[in-house]
Structures are given as C-alpha cells and as structure tokens.
Amino acid sequence: MLDRIGCGYLVLDRDRKVIEWNTAAQDTLERQGEPADTAVELSAGLRRLVANVPVHFQPGSLSWVVIRSRGDRPVILNETGVVTPDGTSIVALLDRENTSAANPQTLQRMFGLTSAETQLALRLAQGDAPLEIARSWHLSRTTIRSQLASLFAKTETRRQAELVALLGRISVLP
C-alpha cells in the first residue's frame, strides 16, 4: 500500500546503511537523479539527499522535514524516533510531486461510473479545473457540469473538494 500512495521507506542498520526498501523509495531517489538499484546506491543517494537538511542527521532526531533538492523537486523525509535494540531505524520518503491515481476499473465498479465520468474524476483528482477539462476535451461547460453532477450523485459527494478527497483515499486500492 505504501508503494501505491508513493510513500517510500528505507530500513537502515546501525551503520546507517540501507538494508531494506520499497519501490516508492527507490523511485523517489531516482527522480532526484540518484542511481537506486542496490543497497549501496540507495545508501549513497540517501546521504546526498540528507546533505540538503539544514540540521545534523542523527538516528531518531528528525521529525517530518521538507527537503528542496535536485531540480527543486521537494521531498519530505522523516526518520522515526524509534531505533531498535540492534540499531536499525526507518526513514520515510515522500515525493510531493508523486501522484497516485485511483484505478479506473475500481472507480467504475465501485460507483457505477461511465467511462466519461471516470475520466473526468481522474482529471479532477489531478487538479484540473472543470473549465480546463471542457476546453481540452472540446466539450461545452454544460456537458462537464452535467457529468460532474452525475459524479456527485453517484459518489454521494456534494462538492468538488469532497470528491477529490474521496478519490485520493480510493487511490490506495488496487
């Protein structure tokens, strides 16, 4: 599920070397321009990323911190305050620009959406405005408003923000 929502984790040993990770952590470091295929590369990439933190990086010392790094692509980093007796700790990485989208088939089955309603929902979840969507699809505002009203009815939401929040929660489902 962490991979689905774009939350990466790295398990570090006592020597601050990566011993376990998930795909989202790998992807986050790769988007920073770091090679991230092996534990050694992940460890080096994490060290370079942490070099951008304005405080000294000690196990368990950081709460959530936003790091501006390569290409000004922000990454949110957290190291848990819990360090196990064997010295391992967990670092969470979240690429703020990573967007996971709801599975279109899941949306259709869950709410009985048409293909057009599903595509509209996905575009809204990406942050596109209804007028912008109407223009890009060469449809009238009335058509988009009608589809949006149908989306609200089928999802039992009343506002666009409520619909987008629901879609964000659903995005973790397969």
Protein backbone atom coordinates (compact mmCIF):
# COMPACT_ATOMS: atom_id res chain seq x y z
CA MET A 1 0.00 0.00 0.00
CA LEU A 2 2.87 2.39 0.73
CA ASP A 3 4.10 1.96 -2.84
CA ARG A 4 0.60 2.70 -4.16
CA ILE A 5 0.43 6.03 -2.32
CA GLY A 6 4.03 6.94 -3.15
CA CYS A 7 5.44 6.64 0.35
CA GLY A 8 8.90 5.15 0.39
CA TYR A 9 10.71 3.56 3.27
CA LEU A 10 14.34 2.68 3.88
CA VAL A 11 15.42 0.47 6.76
CA LEU A 12 18.89 1.49 7.97
CA ASP A 13 21.28 -0.63 10.00
CA ARG A 14 23.41 0.63 12.88
CA ASP A 15 25.99 1.94 10.38
CA ARG A 16 23.31 4.00 8.52
CA LYS A 17 23.41 1.67 5.51
CA VAL A 18 20.20 0.71 3.73
CA ILE A 19 19.27 -2.93 4.32
CA GLU A 20 15.66 -2.92 3.11
CA TRP A 21 13.50 -0.63 0.96
CA ASN A 22 10.38 -0.44 -1.15
CA THR A 23 9.82 0.60 -4.76
CA ALA A 24 8.49 4.06 -3.83
CA ALA A 25 11.75 4.90 -2.01
CA GLN A 26 13.73 3.70 -5.00
CA ASP A 27 11.57 5.77 -7.38
CA THR A 28 11.82 8.87 -5.17
CA LEU A 29 15.61 8.77 -5.14
CA GLU A 30 15.75 8.04 -8.89
CA ARG A 31 13.56 11.10 -9.55
CA GLN A 32 16.20 13.06 -7.63
CA GLY A 33 18.73 11.88 -10.20
CA GLU A 34 20.22 9.24 -7.94
CA PRO A 35 21.02 5.69 -9.06
CA ALA A 36 18.95 3.46 -6.79
CA ASP A 37 19.20 -0.16 -7.89
CA THR A 38 21.23 -1.54 -5.00
CA ALA A 39 21.51 -1.05 -1.24
CA VAL A 40 24.86 0.70 -1.75
CA GLU A 41 23.37 3.13 -4.30
CA LEU A 42 20.34 3.77 -2.08
CA SER A 43 22.59 4.47 0.92
CA ALA A 44 24.68 6.92 -1.11
CA GLY A 45 21.57 8.58 -2.56
CA LEU A 46 20.08 9.00 0.91
CA ARG A 47 23.33 10.55 2.20
CA ARG A 48 23.31 13.08 -0.66
CA LEU A 49 19.62 13.86 -0.08
CA VAL A 50 20.17 14.32 3.64
CA ALA A 51 23.08 16.67 2.91
CA ASN A 52 20.33 19.18 2.00
CA VAL A 53 18.84 19.02 5.52
CA PRO A 54 19.89 22.11 7.50
CA VAL A 55 20.45 20.09 10.71
CA HIS A 56 22.78 17.21 11.57
CA PHE A 57 21.11 13.90 10.70
CA GLN A 58 21.11 11.62 13.77
CA PRO A 59 19.02 8.45 14.19
CA GLY A 60 15.62 9.41 15.52
CA SER A 61 16.38 13.14 15.52
CA LEU A 62 14.20 14.33 12.69
CA SER A 63 10.52 14.87 12.50
CA TRP A 64 8.98 15.49 9.08
CA VAL A 65 11.16 17.86 7.08
CA VAL A 66 10.79 19.18 3.53
CA ILE A 67 13.99 18.97 1.51
CA ARG A 68 14.50 21.04 -1.61
CA SER A 69 16.88 19.15 -3.80
CA ARG A 70 17.82 18.49 -7.40
CA GLY A 71 15.63 20.48 -9.78
CA ASP A 72 13.88 21.99 -6.74
CA ARG A 73 11.72 18.86 -6.57
CA PRO A 74 10.66 18.74 -2.90
CA VAL A 75 10.95 15.53 -0.92
CA ILE A 76 9.51 15.05 2.55
CA LEU A 77 11.69 12.99 4.85
CA ASN A 78 11.08 11.51 8.28
CA GLU A 79 13.17 9.24 10.41
CA THR A 80 11.20 7.53 13.11
CA GLY A 81 12.19 8.28 16.66
CA VAL A 82 12.29 4.54 17.33
CA VAL A 83 15.65 2.87 16.96
CA THR A 84 15.55 -0.84 17.68
CA PRO A 85 17.97 -2.52 20.10
CA ASP A 86 20.00 -3.76 17.13
CA GLY A 87 20.36 -0.17 15.90
CA THR A 88 18.06 -0.30 12.87
CA SER A 89 15.83 2.65 12.07
CA ILE A 90 13.32 3.57 9.38
CA VAL A 91 13.41 6.57 7.06
CA ALA A 92 10.21 7.52 5.24
CA LEU A 93 10.44 9.41 1.94
CA LEU A 94 7.58 11.14 0.19
CA ASP A 95 7.99 12.83 -3.18
CA ARG A 96 5.39 15.60 -3.02
CA GLU A 97 5.04 15.62 -6.78
CA ASN A 98 4.29 11.91 -6.95
CA THR A 99 0.63 11.46 -7.72
CA SER A 100 -1.10 8.16 -7.47
CA ALA A 101 -4.41 7.93 -9.21
CA ALA A 102 -7.39 5.77 -8.49
CA ASN A 103 -7.67 2.67 -10.62
CA PRO A 104 -10.27 3.49 -13.32
CA GLN A 105 -11.79 0.00 -13.22
CA THR A 106 -12.14 0.18 -9.43
CA LEU A 107 -13.91 3.54 -9.73
CA GLN A 108 -16.29 2.24 -12.36
CA ARG A 109 -17.17 -0.88 -10.37
CA MET A 110 -17.40 0.92 -7.03
CA PHE A 111 -19.68 3.75 -8.15
CA GLY A 112 -21.14 2.58 -11.46
CA LEU A 113 -19.45 5.37 -13.41
CA THR A 114 -19.47 5.69 -17.16
CA SER A 115 -16.16 5.91 -18.98
CA ALA A 116 -16.58 9.67 -19.42
CA GLU A 117 -17.38 10.18 -15.72
CA THR A 118 -14.37 8.08 -14.76
CA GLN A 119 -12.03 10.13 -16.95
CA LEU A 120 -13.49 13.34 -15.54
CA ALA A 121 -12.96 12.09 -11.98
CA LEU A 122 -9.34 11.20 -12.72
CA ARG A 123 -8.67 14.62 -14.24
CA LEU A 124 -10.26 16.38 -11.26
CA ALA A 125 -8.14 14.28 -8.91
CA GLN A 126 -5.04 15.51 -10.80
CA GLY A 127 -6.06 19.07 -10.01
CA ASP A 128 -7.54 20.07 -13.36
CA ALA A 129 -10.43 22.53 -13.30
CA PRO A 130 -13.74 21.63 -14.97
CA LEU A 131 -13.44 24.52 -17.46
CA GLU A 132 -9.90 23.44 -18.36
CA ILE A 133 -11.13 19.87 -18.91
CA ALA A 134 -14.01 21.09 -21.09
CA ARG A 135 -11.59 23.05 -23.27
CA SER A 136 -9.09 20.19 -23.63
CA TRP A 137 -11.83 17.70 -24.50
CA HIS A 138 -13.61 20.20 -26.80
CA LEU A 139 -16.82 19.87 -24.80
CA SER A 140 -19.18 22.51 -23.51
CA ARG A 141 -19.15 23.63 -19.89
CA THR A 142 -22.70 22.35 -19.66
CA THR A 143 -21.62 18.82 -20.60
CA ILE A 144 -18.85 18.81 -18.00
CA ARG A 145 -21.18 20.26 -15.36
CA SER A 146 -23.72 17.55 -16.16
CA GLN A 147 -21.08 14.83 -15.80
CA LEU A 148 -19.85 16.44 -12.59
CA ALA A 149 -23.40 16.47 -11.17
CA SER A 150 -23.68 12.79 -12.04
CA LEU A 151 -20.32 12.12 -10.33
CA PHE A 152 -21.54 13.88 -7.19
CA ALA A 153 -24.74 11.83 -7.15
CA LYS A 154 -23.03 8.50 -7.76
CA THR A 155 -20.26 9.11 -5.22
CA GLU A 156 -22.62 10.75 -2.70
CA THR A 157 -20.45 13.87 -2.53
CA ARG A 158 -21.65 17.47 -2.75
CA ARG A 159 -18.56 19.50 -3.66
CA GLN A 160 -15.55 19.08 -5.89
CA ALA A 161 -13.15 19.19 -2.92
CA GLU A 162 -15.08 16.39 -1.21
CA LEU A 163 -14.99 14.31 -4.42
CA VAL A 164 -11.23 14.85 -4.83
CA ALA A 165 -10.61 13.88 -1.20
CA LEU A 166 -12.62 10.68 -1.73
CA LEU A 167 -10.66 9.90 -4.90
CA GLY A 168 -7.42 10.40 -3.00
CA ARG A 169 -8.46 7.85 -0.39
CA ILE A 170 -9.54 5.40 -3.09
CA SER A 171 -6.22 5.75 -4.90
CA VAL A 172 -4.66 3.26 -2.47
CA LEU A 173 -7.00 0.49 -3.63
CA PRO A 174 -5.90 -1.93 -6.35
